[in-house]
């Protein structure tokens, strides 16, 4: 597998995991996901993945929601990313 393709797939997987952790019920995982999203590495992964810059703002907003709202919204965001930014 081409190194760039591998990096892109890995970055997408890490972002997807962080979104899932934001919507989950485990406080420790939520805190780690939030720290990752606020890190420079997240923005680098977004660029590698081809995800829109506004994803950062959406996830910061997501983190401020109630746990139930986070769960529903994280699933919706994941679905949009999977459908609109699928690898060809």
C-alpha atoms as a PDB file:
ATOM      1  CA  UNK A   1       0.000   0.000   0.000  1.00  0.00           C
ATOM      2  CA  UNK A   2       1.220   3.449  -0.903  1.00  0.00           C
ATOM      3  CA  UNK A   3       2.488   5.349   2.156  1.00  0.00           C
ATOM      4  CA  UNK A   4       0.239   8.373   1.471  1.00  0.00           C
ATOM      5  CA  UNK A   5      -2.850   6.172   1.193  1.00  0.00           C
ATOM      6  CA  UNK A   6      -1.906   4.414   4.431  1.00  0.00           C
ATOM      7  CA  UNK A   7      -1.410   7.747   6.228  1.00  0.00           C
ATOM      8  CA  UNK A   8      -4.776   8.981   4.956  1.00  0.00           C
ATOM      9  CA  UNK A   9      -6.593   5.830   6.099  1.00  0.00           C
ATOM     10  CA  UNK A  10      -4.860   5.917   9.477  1.00  0.00           C
ATOM     11  CA  UNK A  11      -5.696   9.602   9.991  1.00  0.00           C
ATOM     12  CA  UNK A  12      -9.351   8.931   9.130  1.00  0.00           C
ATOM     13  CA  UNK A  13      -9.456   6.015  11.564  1.00  0.00           C
ATOM     14  CA  UNK A  14      -7.952   8.083  14.388  1.00  0.00           C
ATOM     15  CA  UNK A  15     -10.430  10.908  13.781  1.00  0.00           C
ATOM     16  CA  UNK A  16     -13.345   8.465  13.626  1.00  0.00           C
ATOM     17  CA  UNK A  17     -12.251   6.946  16.939  1.00  0.00           C
ATOM     18  CA  UNK A  18     -12.031  10.377  18.552  1.00  0.00           C
ATOM     19  CA  UNK A  19     -15.539  11.240  17.365  1.00  0.00           C
ATOM     20  CA  UNK A  20     -16.830   7.943  18.746  1.00  0.00           C
ATOM     21  CA  UNK A  21     -15.103   8.640  22.073  1.00  0.00           C
ATOM     22  CA  UNK A  22     -16.680  12.104  22.243  1.00  0.00           C
ATOM     23  CA  UNK A  23     -20.092  10.489  21.921  1.00  0.00           C
ATOM     24  CA  UNK A  24     -19.409   7.626  24.310  1.00  0.00           C
ATOM     25  CA  UNK A  25     -20.100   7.488  28.005  1.00  0.00           C
ATOM     26  CA  UNK A  26     -16.542   6.979  29.270  1.00  0.00           C
ATOM     27  CA  UNK A  27     -15.235  10.219  30.800  1.00  0.00           C
ATOM     28  CA  UNK A  28     -11.565   9.303  30.428  1.00  0.00           C
ATOM     29  CA  UNK A  29     -11.973   8.509  26.731  1.00  0.00           C
ATOM     30  CA  UNK A  30     -13.982  11.694  26.244  1.00  0.00           C
ATOM     31  CA  UNK A  31     -11.195  13.763  27.835  1.00  0.00           C
ATOM     32  CA  UNK A  32      -8.522  12.107  25.684  1.00  0.00           C
ATOM     33  CA  UNK A  33     -10.574  12.661  22.533  1.00  0.00           C
ATOM     34  CA  UNK A  34     -11.156  16.289  23.432  1.00  0.00           C
ATOM     35  CA  UNK A  35      -7.432  16.825  24.036  1.00  0.00           C
ATOM     36  CA  UNK A  36      -6.621  15.226  20.667  1.00  0.00           C
ATOM     37  CA  UNK A  37      -9.148  17.407  18.831  1.00  0.00           C
ATOM     38  CA  UNK A  38      -7.611  20.512  20.385  1.00  0.00           C
ATOM     39  CA  UNK A  39      -4.091  19.401  19.389  1.00  0.00           C
ATOM     40  CA  UNK A  40      -2.138  20.404  16.266  1.00  0.00           C
ATOM     41  CA  UNK A  41      -2.080  16.714  15.310  1.00  0.00           C
ATOM     42  CA  UNK A  42      -5.850  16.768  14.763  1.00  0.00           C
ATOM     43  CA  UNK A  43      -5.628  19.569  12.216  1.00  0.00           C
ATOM     44  CA  UNK A  44      -2.794  17.725  10.499  1.00  0.00           C
ATOM     45  CA  UNK A  45      -4.920  14.566  10.348  1.00  0.00           C
ATOM     46  CA  UNK A  46      -7.848  16.554   8.924  1.00  0.00           C
ATOM     47  CA  UNK A  47      -5.634  17.855   6.121  1.00  0.00           C
ATOM     48  CA  UNK A  48      -4.312  14.351   5.403  1.00  0.00           C
ATOM     49  CA  UNK A  49      -7.841  12.938   5.383  1.00  0.00           C
ATOM     50  CA  UNK A  50      -9.320  15.605   3.167  1.00  0.00           C
ATOM     51  CA  UNK A  51     -11.894  16.435   5.842  1.00  0.00           C
ATOM     52  CA  UNK A  52     -13.193  20.028   5.908  1.00  0.00           C
ATOM     53  CA  UNK A  53     -11.636  22.606   8.219  1.00  0.00           C
ATOM     54  CA  UNK A  54     -15.037  23.193   9.810  1.00  0.00           C
ATOM     55  CA  UNK A  55     -14.875  19.708  11.347  1.00  0.00           C
ATOM     56  CA  UNK A  56     -12.806  21.189  14.189  1.00  0.00           C
ATOM     57  CA  UNK A  57     -15.528  23.718  15.024  1.00  0.00           C
ATOM     58  CA  UNK A  58     -18.213  21.040  14.805  1.00  0.00           C
ATOM     59  CA  UNK A  59     -16.377  18.777  17.231  1.00  0.00           C
ATOM     60  CA  UNK A  60     -15.673  21.581  19.690  1.00  0.00           C
ATOM     61  CA  UNK A  61     -19.405  22.328  19.647  1.00  0.00           C
ATOM     62  CA  UNK A  62     -20.150  18.612  20.003  1.00  0.00           C
ATOM     63  CA  UNK A  63     -17.992  18.383  23.110  1.00  0.00           C
ATOM     64  CA  UNK A  64     -20.083  21.104  24.790  1.00  0.00           C
ATOM     65  CA  UNK A  65     -23.383  19.248  24.330  1.00  0.00           C
ATOM     66  CA  UNK A  66     -25.126  17.007  26.842  1.00  0.00           C
ATOM     67  CA  UNK A  67     -24.095  13.330  26.818  1.00  0.00           C
ATOM     68  CA  UNK A  68     -27.259  12.270  24.982  1.00  0.00           C
ATOM     69  CA  UNK A  69     -26.846  15.013  22.384  1.00  0.00           C
ATOM     70  CA  UNK A  70     -23.169  14.061  21.940  1.00  0.00           C
ATOM     71  CA  UNK A  71     -24.077  10.436  21.316  1.00  0.00           C
ATOM     72  CA  UNK A  72     -26.638  11.261  18.624  1.00  0.00           C
ATOM     73  CA  UNK A  73     -24.570  14.021  17.021  1.00  0.00           C
ATOM     74  CA  UNK A  74     -21.351  11.983  16.937  1.00  0.00           C
ATOM     75  CA  UNK A  75     -23.166   9.255  14.995  1.00  0.00           C
ATOM     76  CA  UNK A  76     -24.514  11.829  12.543  1.00  0.00           C
ATOM     77  CA  UNK A  77     -21.100  13.405  12.011  1.00  0.00           C
ATOM     78  CA  UNK A  78     -19.486  10.005  11.495  1.00  0.00           C
ATOM     79  CA  UNK A  79     -22.159   9.078   8.943  1.00  0.00           C
ATOM     80  CA  UNK A  80     -21.636  12.302   6.968  1.00  0.00           C
ATOM     81  CA  UNK A  81     -17.859  11.859   6.950  1.00  0.00           C
ATOM     82  CA  UNK A  82     -18.155   8.227   5.881  1.00  0.00           C
ATOM     83  CA  UNK A  83     -20.592   9.071   3.053  1.00  0.00           C
ATOM     84  CA  UNK A  84     -19.168  12.360   1.815  1.00  0.00           C
ATOM     85  CA  UNK A  85     -15.452  11.646   2.267  1.00  0.00           C
ATOM     86  CA  UNK A  86     -15.238   7.962   1.420  1.00  0.00           C
ATOM     87  CA  UNK A  87     -12.077   6.760  -0.284  1.00  0.00           C
ATOM     88  CA  UNK A  88     -12.528   6.077  -3.956  1.00  0.00           C
END
